[in-house]
Amino acid sequence: MLHRHPILGIMTIAYLAFVGWITLTPQPYDGRTASVLDRFLDFFARHDATDWITFDRVEAAANVVMFVPVGLFFVLLFGRRLWFLAIIAGALFSIGIEYVQLEFLPSRVADVRDVITNTGGTIIGVLVGLVLSWPKARRIRRDRRAVTEAQRTRRLAS
């Protein structure tokens, strides 16, 4: 798998390391980031049309968005036929992160909702990967059928 797609493998490992760095550092975000986020949430809380934008919803959306590339990379790495392994791998990666947070990082909060949103992001990434790779997969199947038909025709002619 990695030997067939070395660049994709390196990109996948780099992105997983980035997600690990984001999720496994002792502080979720520094004071400056918290200040920007607080101002952002305060702004939306002042308006009736956007008061539904809360920290929990922003965090959930961030978890989904962060794991979309995980699903995309995994489905491209494993292949279309093993799409379900991409989802399982993304879910296990998320569970691993939450376990490390629970057992070894008291400044972080492990939560089942994070596993659910992360896995949801993985599923979206897998679906995006399947849709984007569908035309090439279709072309490959068509070409294989044409080769098989040509071989059959040659055998019948001989």
C-alpha atoms as a PDB file:
ATOM      1  CA  MET A   1       0.000   0.000   0.000  1.00  0.00           C
ATOM      2  CA  LEU A   2       2.637   2.568   1.013  1.00  0.00           C
ATOM      3  CA  HIS A   3       5.107   1.218  -1.551  1.00  0.00           C
ATOM      4  CA  ARG A   4       2.534   1.737  -4.346  1.00  0.00           C
ATOM      5  CA  HIS A   5       1.672   5.271  -3.243  1.00  0.00           C
ATOM      6  CA  PRO A   6       4.710   6.712  -1.435  1.00  0.00           C
ATOM      7  CA  ILE A   7       3.718  10.388  -1.790  1.00  0.00           C
ATOM      8  CA  LEU A   8       0.154   9.698  -0.649  1.00  0.00           C
ATOM      9  CA  GLY A   9       1.542   7.643   2.237  1.00  0.00           C
ATOM     10  CA  ILE A  10       3.850  10.469   3.309  1.00  0.00           C
ATOM     11  CA  MET A  11       1.024  13.016   3.047  1.00  0.00           C
ATOM     12  CA  THR A  12      -1.253  10.741   5.115  1.00  0.00           C
ATOM     13  CA  ILE A  13       1.357  10.265   7.825  1.00  0.00           C
ATOM     14  CA  ALA A  14       2.083  14.009   7.877  1.00  0.00           C
ATOM     15  CA  TYR A  15      -1.607  14.862   8.233  1.00  0.00           C
ATOM     16  CA  LEU A  16      -2.119  12.257  10.970  1.00  0.00           C
ATOM     17  CA  ALA A  17       0.883  13.737  12.797  1.00  0.00           C
ATOM     18  CA  PHE A  18      -0.668  17.203  12.447  1.00  0.00           C
ATOM     19  CA  VAL A  19      -3.975  15.958  13.891  1.00  0.00           C
ATOM     20  CA  GLY A  20      -2.051  14.261  16.681  1.00  0.00           C
ATOM     21  CA  TRP A  21      -0.203  17.488  17.425  1.00  0.00           C
ATOM     22  CA  ILE A  22      -3.467  19.469  17.505  1.00  0.00           C
ATOM     23  CA  THR A  23      -5.300  16.975  19.693  1.00  0.00           C
ATOM     24  CA  LEU A  24      -2.536  15.701  21.954  1.00  0.00           C
ATOM     25  CA  THR A  25      -0.777  18.863  23.043  1.00  0.00           C
ATOM     26  CA  PRO A  26      -1.463  19.741  26.675  1.00  0.00           C
ATOM     27  CA  GLN A  27      -3.362  22.982  25.940  1.00  0.00           C
ATOM     28  CA  PRO A  28      -6.214  22.918  23.425  1.00  0.00           C
ATOM     29  CA  TYR A  29      -5.480  26.532  22.443  1.00  0.00           C
ATOM     30  CA  ASP A  30      -3.538  29.440  23.829  1.00  0.00           C
ATOM     31  CA  GLY A  31      -4.858  32.705  25.307  1.00  0.00           C
ATOM     32  CA  ARG A  32      -4.755  34.561  22.000  1.00  0.00           C
ATOM     33  CA  THR A  33      -6.773  31.882  20.226  1.00  0.00           C
ATOM     34  CA  ALA A  34      -9.250  31.763  23.115  1.00  0.00           C
ATOM     35  CA  SER A  35      -9.651  35.535  22.930  1.00  0.00           C
ATOM     36  CA  VAL A  36     -10.374  35.474  19.192  1.00  0.00           C
ATOM     37  CA  LEU A  37     -12.815  32.593  19.607  1.00  0.00           C
ATOM     38  CA  ASP A  38     -14.540  34.324  22.540  1.00  0.00           C
ATOM     39  CA  ARG A  39     -14.969  37.519  20.503  1.00  0.00           C
ATOM     40  CA  PHE A  40     -16.293  35.501  17.579  1.00  0.00           C
ATOM     41  CA  LEU A  41     -18.842  33.708  19.787  1.00  0.00           C
ATOM     42  CA  ASP A  42     -19.820  36.933  21.608  1.00  0.00           C
ATOM     43  CA  PHE A  43     -20.481  38.633  18.274  1.00  0.00           C
ATOM     44  CA  PHE A  44     -22.809  35.867  17.112  1.00  0.00           C
ATOM     45  CA  ALA A  45     -24.500  35.571  20.509  1.00  0.00           C
ATOM     46  CA  ARG A  46     -25.640  39.215  20.264  1.00  0.00           C
ATOM     47  CA  HIS A  47     -27.777  38.505  17.197  1.00  0.00           C
ATOM     48  CA  ASP A  48     -30.950  36.431  17.292  1.00  0.00           C
ATOM     49  CA  ALA A  49     -30.307  34.889  13.889  1.00  0.00           C
ATOM     50  CA  THR A  50     -26.895  33.543  14.921  1.00  0.00           C
ATOM     51  CA  ASP A  51     -27.198  32.937  18.659  1.00  0.00           C
ATOM     52  CA  TRP A  52     -27.274  29.213  17.931  1.00  0.00           C
ATOM     53  CA  ILE A  53     -23.532  29.356  17.150  1.00  0.00           C
ATOM     54  CA  THR A  54     -22.054  28.132  20.433  1.00  0.00           C
ATOM     55  CA  PHE A  55     -18.655  26.842  21.518  1.00  0.00           C
ATOM     56  CA  ASP A  56     -19.934  23.243  21.480  1.00  0.00           C
ATOM     57  CA  ARG A  57     -21.199  23.584  17.908  1.00  0.00           C
ATOM     58  CA  VAL A  58     -18.010  25.257  16.696  1.00  0.00           C
ATOM     59  CA  GLU A  59     -15.950  22.521  18.360  1.00  0.00           C
ATOM     60  CA  ALA A  60     -18.111  19.784  16.811  1.00  0.00           C
ATOM     61  CA  ALA A  61     -17.828  21.370  13.358  1.00  0.00           C
ATOM     62  CA  ALA A  62     -14.053  21.695  13.782  1.00  0.00           C
ATOM     63  CA  ASN A  63     -13.828  18.000  14.691  1.00  0.00           C
ATOM     64  CA  VAL A  64     -15.794  17.017  11.593  1.00  0.00           C
ATOM     65  CA  VAL A  65     -13.742  19.275   9.302  1.00  0.00           C
ATOM     66  CA  MET A  66     -10.435  18.088  10.789  1.00  0.00           C
ATOM     67  CA  PHE A  67     -11.265  14.436  10.066  1.00  0.00           C
ATOM     68  CA  VAL A  68     -12.576  14.848   6.496  1.00  0.00           C
ATOM     69  CA  PRO A  69      -9.001  14.667   5.119  1.00  0.00           C
ATOM     70  CA  VAL A  70      -8.374  11.595   7.303  1.00  0.00           C
ATOM     71  CA  GLY A  71     -11.211   9.745   5.552  1.00  0.00           C
ATOM     72  CA  LEU A  72     -10.118  11.028   2.146  1.00  0.00           C
ATOM     73  CA  PHE A  73      -6.483   9.989   2.633  1.00  0.00           C
ATOM     74  CA  PHE A  74      -7.445   6.575   4.030  1.00  0.00           C
ATOM     75  CA  VAL A  75      -9.850   5.697   1.204  1.00  0.00           C
ATOM     76  CA  LEU A  76      -7.295   6.772  -1.403  1.00  0.00           C
ATOM     77  CA  LEU A  77      -4.588   4.777   0.372  1.00  0.00           C
ATOM     78  CA  PHE A  78      -6.643   1.628   0.992  1.00  0.00           C
ATOM     79  CA  GLY A  79      -8.536   1.775  -2.310  1.00  0.00           C
ATOM     80  CA  ARG A  80     -12.202   2.028  -3.240  1.00  0.00           C
ATOM     81  CA  ARG A  81     -12.950  -1.622  -2.508  1.00  0.00           C
ATOM     82  CA  LEU A  82     -11.759  -1.253   1.094  1.00  0.00           C
ATOM     83  CA  TRP A  83     -13.694   1.936   1.844  1.00  0.00           C
ATOM     84  CA  PHE A  84     -15.066   0.419   5.061  1.00  0.00           C
ATOM     85  CA  LEU A  85     -11.493  -0.055   6.367  1.00  0.00           C
ATOM     86  CA  ALA A  86     -10.942   3.673   5.897  1.00  0.00           C
ATOM     87  CA  ILE A  87     -13.916   4.382   8.166  1.00  0.00           C
ATOM     88  CA  ILE A  88     -12.767   1.820  10.732  1.00  0.00           C
ATOM     89  CA  ALA A  89      -9.209   3.228  10.696  1.00  0.00           C
ATOM     90  CA  GLY A  90     -10.503   6.787  11.159  1.00  0.00           C
ATOM     91  CA  ALA A  91     -12.727   5.716  14.055  1.00  0.00           C
ATOM     92  CA  LEU A  92      -9.864   3.799  15.695  1.00  0.00           C
ATOM     93  CA  PHE A  93      -7.557   6.803  15.266  1.00  0.00           C
ATOM     94  CA  SER A  94     -10.157   8.978  16.983  1.00  0.00           C
ATOM     95  CA  ILE A  95     -10.648   6.455  19.797  1.00  0.00           C
ATOM     96  CA  GLY A  96      -6.875   6.335  20.255  1.00  0.00           C
ATOM     97  CA  ILE A  97      -6.704  10.113  20.574  1.00  0.00           C
ATOM     98  CA  GLU A  98      -9.503  10.178  23.137  1.00  0.00           C
ATOM     99  CA  TYR A  99      -7.863   7.357  25.101  1.00  0.00           C
ATOM    100  CA  VAL A 100      -4.533   9.220  25.259  1.00  0.00           C
ATOM    101  CA  GLN A 101      -6.347  12.386  26.343  1.00  0.00           C
ATOM    102  CA  LEU A 102      -8.232  10.483  29.044  1.00  0.00           C
ATOM    103  CA  GLU A 103      -5.275   8.560  30.448  1.00  0.00           C
ATOM    104  CA  PHE A 104      -2.297  10.860  29.954  1.00  0.00           C
ATOM    105  CA  LEU A 105      -3.421  14.464  29.408  1.00  0.00           C
ATOM    106  CA  PRO A 106      -5.356  15.841  32.383  1.00  0.00           C
ATOM    107  CA  SER A 107      -5.571  19.274  30.717  1.00  0.00           C
ATOM    108  CA  ARG A 108      -7.600  17.779  27.848  1.00  0.00           C
ATOM    109  CA  VAL A 109     -11.157  16.476  27.954  1.00  0.00           C
ATOM    110  CA  ALA A 110     -11.912  13.116  26.366  1.00  0.00           C
ATOM    111  CA  ASP A 111     -15.479  12.892  25.102  1.00  0.00           C
ATOM    112  CA  VAL A 112     -17.534  10.303  23.222  1.00  0.00           C
ATOM    113  CA  ARG A 113     -19.033  13.153  21.168  1.00  0.00           C
ATOM    114  CA  ASP A 114     -15.556  13.801  19.763  1.00  0.00           C
ATOM    115  CA  VAL A 115     -15.326  10.199  18.566  1.00  0.00           C
ATOM    116  CA  ILE A 116     -18.753  10.554  16.931  1.00  0.00           C
ATOM    117  CA  THR A 117     -17.956  13.861  15.194  1.00  0.00           C
ATOM    118  CA  ASN A 118     -14.471  12.689  14.175  1.00  0.00           C
ATOM    119  CA  THR A 119     -15.919   9.491  12.709  1.00  0.00           C
ATOM    120  CA  GLY A 120     -18.585  11.562  10.947  1.00  0.00           C
ATOM    121  CA  GLY A 121     -15.820  13.643   9.368  1.00  0.00           C
ATOM    122  CA  THR A 122     -14.032  10.450   8.340  1.00  0.00           C
ATOM    123  CA  ILE A 123     -17.214   9.158   6.684  1.00  0.00           C
ATOM    124  CA  ILE A 124     -17.633  12.423   4.776  1.00  0.00           C
ATOM    125  CA  GLY A 125     -13.995  12.204   3.646  1.00  0.00           C
ATOM    126  CA  VAL A 126     -14.499   8.621   2.483  1.00  0.00           C
ATOM    127  CA  LEU A 127     -17.591   9.636   0.515  1.00  0.00           C
ATOM    128  CA  VAL A 128     -15.706  12.542  -1.079  1.00  0.00           C
ATOM    129  CA  GLY A 129     -12.887  10.160  -2.013  1.00  0.00           C
ATOM    130  CA  LEU A 130     -15.304   7.664  -3.522  1.00  0.00           C
ATOM    131  CA  VAL A 131     -17.053  10.354  -5.564  1.00  0.00           C
ATOM    132  CA  LEU A 132     -13.779  11.888  -6.768  1.00  0.00           C
ATOM    133  CA  SER A 133     -12.287   8.517  -7.746  1.00  0.00           C
ATOM    134  CA  TRP A 134     -15.464   7.181  -9.383  1.00  0.00           C
ATOM    135  CA  PRO A 135     -14.719   8.401 -12.956  1.00  0.00           C
ATOM    136  CA  LYS A 136     -11.246   6.820 -12.950  1.00  0.00           C
ATOM    137  CA  ALA A 137     -12.580   3.570 -11.466  1.00  0.00           C
ATOM    138  CA  ARG A 138     -15.260   3.500 -14.147  1.00  0.00           C
ATOM    139  CA  ARG A 139     -12.643   4.053 -16.874  1.00  0.00           C
ATOM    140  CA  ILE A 140     -10.466   1.258 -15.475  1.00  0.00           C
ATOM    141  CA  ARG A 141     -13.421  -1.171 -15.410  1.00  0.00           C
ATOM    142  CA  ARG A 142     -14.351  -0.233 -18.990  1.00  0.00           C
ATOM    143  CA  ASP A 143     -10.752  -0.729 -20.181  1.00  0.00           C
ATOM    144  CA  ARG A 144     -10.528  -4.122 -18.435  1.00  0.00           C
ATOM    145  CA  ARG A 145     -13.758  -5.241 -20.084  1.00  0.00           C
ATOM    146  CA  ALA A 146     -12.408  -4.131 -23.476  1.00  0.00           C
ATOM    147  CA  VAL A 147      -9.157  -6.078 -22.962  1.00  0.00           C
ATOM    148  CA  THR A 148     -11.067  -9.170 -21.841  1.00  0.00           C
ATOM    149  CA  GLU A 149     -13.374  -8.937 -24.842  1.00  0.00           C
ATOM    150  CA  ALA A 150     -10.399  -8.512 -27.215  1.00  0.00           C
ATOM    151  CA  GLN A 151      -8.686 -11.573 -25.712  1.00  0.00           C
ATOM    152  CA  ARG A 152     -11.899 -13.589 -26.050  1.00  0.00           C
ATOM    153  CA  THR A 153     -12.280 -12.517 -29.677  1.00  0.00           C
ATOM    154  CA  ARG A 154      -8.668 -13.506 -30.465  1.00  0.00           C
ATOM    155  CA  ARG A 155      -9.148 -16.931 -28.867  1.00  0.00           C
ATOM    156  CA  LEU A 156     -12.317 -17.546 -30.874  1.00  0.00           C
ATOM    157  CA  ALA A 157     -10.590 -16.451 -34.097  1.00  0.00           C
ATOM    158  CA  SER A 158      -7.659 -18.835 -33.608  1.00  0.00           C
END
